[in-house]
Amino acid sequence: MGDRKVYLYKDKFTGDDMFNGAYPCSLIDDVVFCVEGKMIKKGGDSFDLGRGNAFSSGGVDEEVDDTVEMVINVIDTGRLQQTSFDKKGFLTWIFFAVYLFYCLFFEF
């Protein structure tokens, strides 16, 4: 068996995991990663343990709520969380990110 490396990409400023090398990605202008994700179905799975309705208290199969949720695989498997910024909060965050970027590459 050959050695297979899985790359984990982290945010340079926060150290947070962003994505891993299992997903197709490309680097744009040596600055931004573009990661290809797909919509997948999550939930709604049914499992048969081979016992039929033996675990049921009655003799009738119970109705199960099979809700299927559509998610993006990169976000779901990475357990990424949605952020909520208002305009002022976003501007504060982006100015701080630009400042960190500047400090990292142009050390003053």
C-alpha atoms as a PDB file:
ATOM      1  CA  MET A   1       0.000   0.000   0.000  1.00  0.00           C
ATOM      2  CA  GLY A   2       1.396   3.381  -0.983  1.00  0.00           C
ATOM      3  CA  ASP A   3       1.522   6.347   1.331  1.00  0.00           C
ATOM      4  CA  ARG A   4      -1.450   8.618   0.765  1.00  0.00           C
ATOM      5  CA  LYS A   5      -1.315  12.121   2.162  1.00  0.00           C
ATOM      6  CA  VAL A   6      -4.440  14.031   3.025  1.00  0.00           C
ATOM      7  CA  TYR A   7      -3.913  17.752   3.218  1.00  0.00           C
ATOM      8  CA  LEU A   8      -5.780  19.851   5.743  1.00  0.00           C
ATOM      9  CA  TYR A   9      -6.008  23.532   4.872  1.00  0.00           C
ATOM     10  CA  LYS A  10      -6.082  25.905   7.845  1.00  0.00           C
ATOM     11  CA  ASP A  11      -6.755  29.607   8.185  1.00  0.00           C
ATOM     12  CA  LYS A  12      -3.377  31.270   8.686  1.00  0.00           C
ATOM     13  CA  PHE A  13      -4.782  33.918  11.029  1.00  0.00           C
ATOM     14  CA  THR A  14      -7.171  31.942  13.255  1.00  0.00           C
ATOM     15  CA  GLY A  15      -5.864  28.384  12.896  1.00  0.00           C
ATOM     16  CA  ASP A  16      -9.377  27.142  12.048  1.00  0.00           C
ATOM     17  CA  ASP A  17      -9.755  24.192   9.666  1.00  0.00           C
ATOM     18  CA  MET A  18     -11.146  25.329   6.311  1.00  0.00           C
ATOM     19  CA  PHE A  19     -11.284  22.163   4.163  1.00  0.00           C
ATOM     20  CA  ASN A  20      -9.241  19.085   3.319  1.00  0.00           C
ATOM     21  CA  GLY A  21      -7.649  17.777   0.154  1.00  0.00           C
ATOM     22  CA  ALA A  22     -10.438  15.272  -0.478  1.00  0.00           C
ATOM     23  CA  TYR A  23     -12.361  17.947  -2.375  1.00  0.00           C
ATOM     24  CA  PRO A  24     -11.275  19.364  -5.731  1.00  0.00           C
ATOM     25  CA  CYS A  25      -9.874  22.835  -5.259  1.00  0.00           C
ATOM     26  CA  SER A  26      -7.947  25.453  -7.177  1.00  0.00           C
ATOM     27  CA  LEU A  27      -5.920  28.479  -6.162  1.00  0.00           C
ATOM     28  CA  ILE A  28      -7.027  31.756  -7.728  1.00  0.00           C
ATOM     29  CA  ASP A  29      -4.457  34.557  -8.083  1.00  0.00           C
ATOM     30  CA  ASP A  30      -2.303  32.889  -5.410  1.00  0.00           C
ATOM     31  CA  VAL A  31      -4.677  34.295  -2.782  1.00  0.00           C
ATOM     32  CA  VAL A  32      -8.089  32.584  -2.733  1.00  0.00           C
ATOM     33  CA  PHE A  33      -8.988  28.899  -2.782  1.00  0.00           C
ATOM     34  CA  CYS A  34     -12.000  27.793  -4.800  1.00  0.00           C
ATOM     35  CA  VAL A  35     -13.341  24.498  -3.399  1.00  0.00           C
ATOM     36  CA  GLU A  36     -15.814  22.423  -5.397  1.00  0.00           C
ATOM     37  CA  GLY A  37     -18.705  21.158  -3.301  1.00  0.00           C
ATOM     38  CA  LYS A  38     -21.804  19.172  -4.163  1.00  0.00           C
ATOM     39  CA  MET A  39     -25.339  19.171  -2.828  1.00  0.00           C
ATOM     40  CA  ILE A  40     -25.987  15.876  -1.062  1.00  0.00           C
ATOM     41  CA  LYS A  41     -28.943  14.427   0.813  1.00  0.00           C
ATOM     42  CA  LYS A  42     -28.595  14.142   4.574  1.00  0.00           C
ATOM     43  CA  GLY A  43     -30.987  12.164   6.721  1.00  0.00           C
ATOM     44  CA  GLY A  44     -33.964  10.072   5.743  1.00  0.00           C
ATOM     45  CA  ASP A  45     -31.938   6.871   6.032  1.00  0.00           C
ATOM     46  CA  SER A  46     -33.696   3.716   7.122  1.00  0.00           C
ATOM     47  CA  PHE A  47     -31.872   0.798   8.659  1.00  0.00           C
ATOM     48  CA  ASP A  48     -33.107  -2.771   8.871  1.00  0.00           C
ATOM     49  CA  LEU A  49     -31.506  -4.712  11.711  1.00  0.00           C
ATOM     50  CA  GLY A  50     -32.962  -7.959  10.427  1.00  0.00           C
ATOM     51  CA  ARG A  51     -35.526  -8.222  13.223  1.00  0.00           C
ATOM     52  CA  GLY A  52     -38.518  -6.788  11.394  1.00  0.00           C
ATOM     53  CA  ASN A  53     -40.889  -5.227  13.933  1.00  0.00           C
ATOM     54  CA  ALA A  54     -39.674  -7.341  16.868  1.00  0.00           C
ATOM     55  CA  PHE A  55     -38.597  -4.213  18.748  1.00  0.00           C
ATOM     56  CA  SER A  56     -41.990  -2.600  18.386  1.00  0.00           C
ATOM     57  CA  SER A  57     -44.432  -2.849  21.296  1.00  0.00           C
ATOM     58  CA  GLY A  58     -47.285  -3.523  18.875  1.00  0.00           C
ATOM     59  CA  GLY A  59     -47.495  -5.696  15.839  1.00  0.00           C
ATOM     60  CA  VAL A  60     -47.806  -2.784  13.410  1.00  0.00           C
ATOM     61  CA  ASP A  61     -44.868  -0.926  11.874  1.00  0.00           C
ATOM     62  CA  GLU A  62     -44.673   2.616  13.185  1.00  0.00           C
ATOM     63  CA  GLU A  63     -44.522   5.589  10.852  1.00  0.00           C
ATOM     64  CA  VAL A  64     -41.117   7.246  10.751  1.00  0.00           C
ATOM     65  CA  ASP A  65     -40.648  10.865   9.785  1.00  0.00           C
ATOM     66  CA  ASP A  66     -38.163  10.610   6.911  1.00  0.00           C
ATOM     67  CA  THR A  67     -37.002  14.161   6.488  1.00  0.00           C
ATOM     68  CA  VAL A  68     -34.266  14.641   3.962  1.00  0.00           C
ATOM     69  CA  GLU A  69     -32.133  17.758   4.136  1.00  0.00           C
ATOM     70  CA  MET A  70     -30.010  18.976   1.226  1.00  0.00           C
ATOM     71  CA  VAL A  71     -26.547  20.122   2.365  1.00  0.00           C
ATOM     72  CA  ILE A  72     -23.232  21.032   0.738  1.00  0.00           C
ATOM     73  CA  ASN A  73     -20.772  18.211   1.397  1.00  0.00           C
ATOM     74  CA  VAL A  74     -17.743  20.430   2.163  1.00  0.00           C
ATOM     75  CA  ILE A  75     -19.676  22.418   4.745  1.00  0.00           C
ATOM     76  CA  ASP A  76     -21.419  19.444   6.338  1.00  0.00           C
ATOM     77  CA  THR A  77     -18.401  17.150   6.707  1.00  0.00           C
ATOM     78  CA  GLY A  78     -16.227  20.001   7.949  1.00  0.00           C
ATOM     79  CA  ARG A  79     -18.949  21.031  10.423  1.00  0.00           C
ATOM     80  CA  LEU A  80     -18.548  24.628   9.322  1.00  0.00           C
ATOM     81  CA  GLN A  81     -20.856  27.176  10.916  1.00  0.00           C
ATOM     82  CA  GLN A  82     -22.719  29.992   9.222  1.00  0.00           C
ATOM     83  CA  THR A  83     -21.744  33.468  10.291  1.00  0.00           C
ATOM     84  CA  SER A  84     -24.114  36.369  10.593  1.00  0.00           C
ATOM     85  CA  PHE A  85     -22.698  39.825  10.081  1.00  0.00           C
ATOM     86  CA  ASP A  86     -24.490  43.082   9.823  1.00  0.00           C
ATOM     87  CA  LYS A  87     -22.804  45.714   7.652  1.00  0.00           C
ATOM     88  CA  LYS A  88     -20.840  47.258  10.523  1.00  0.00           C
ATOM     89  CA  GLY A  89     -19.706  43.867  11.859  1.00  0.00           C
ATOM     90  CA  PHE A  90     -18.583  42.726   8.414  1.00  0.00           C
ATOM     91  CA  LEU A  91     -16.611  45.926   7.811  1.00  0.00           C
ATOM     92  CA  THR A  92     -14.913  45.566  11.201  1.00  0.00           C
ATOM     93  CA  TRP A  93     -14.011  41.949  10.409  1.00  0.00           C
ATOM     94  CA  ILE A  94     -12.739  42.660   6.875  1.00  0.00           C
ATOM     95  CA  PHE A  95     -10.586  45.598   8.007  1.00  0.00           C
ATOM     96  CA  PHE A  96      -9.040  43.396  10.696  1.00  0.00           C
ATOM     97  CA  ALA A  97      -8.434  40.589   8.156  1.00  0.00           C
ATOM     98  CA  VAL A  98      -6.767  43.024   5.725  1.00  0.00           C
ATOM     99  CA  TYR A  99      -4.626  44.385   8.577  1.00  0.00           C
ATOM    100  CA  LEU A 100      -3.488  40.849   9.517  1.00  0.00           C
ATOM    101  CA  PHE A 101      -2.802  40.040   5.876  1.00  0.00           C
ATOM    102  CA  TYR A 102      -0.730  43.207   5.500  1.00  0.00           C
ATOM    103  CA  CYS A 103       1.224  42.473   8.705  1.00  0.00           C
ATOM    104  CA  LEU A 104       1.907  38.912   7.603  1.00  0.00           C
ATOM    105  CA  PHE A 105       3.259  39.753   4.153  1.00  0.00           C
ATOM    106  CA  PHE A 106       4.728  43.213   4.594  1.00  0.00           C
ATOM    107  CA  GLU A 107       6.122  43.040   8.141  1.00  0.00           C
ATOM    108  CA  PHE A 108       6.468  46.542   9.414  1.00  0.00           C
END
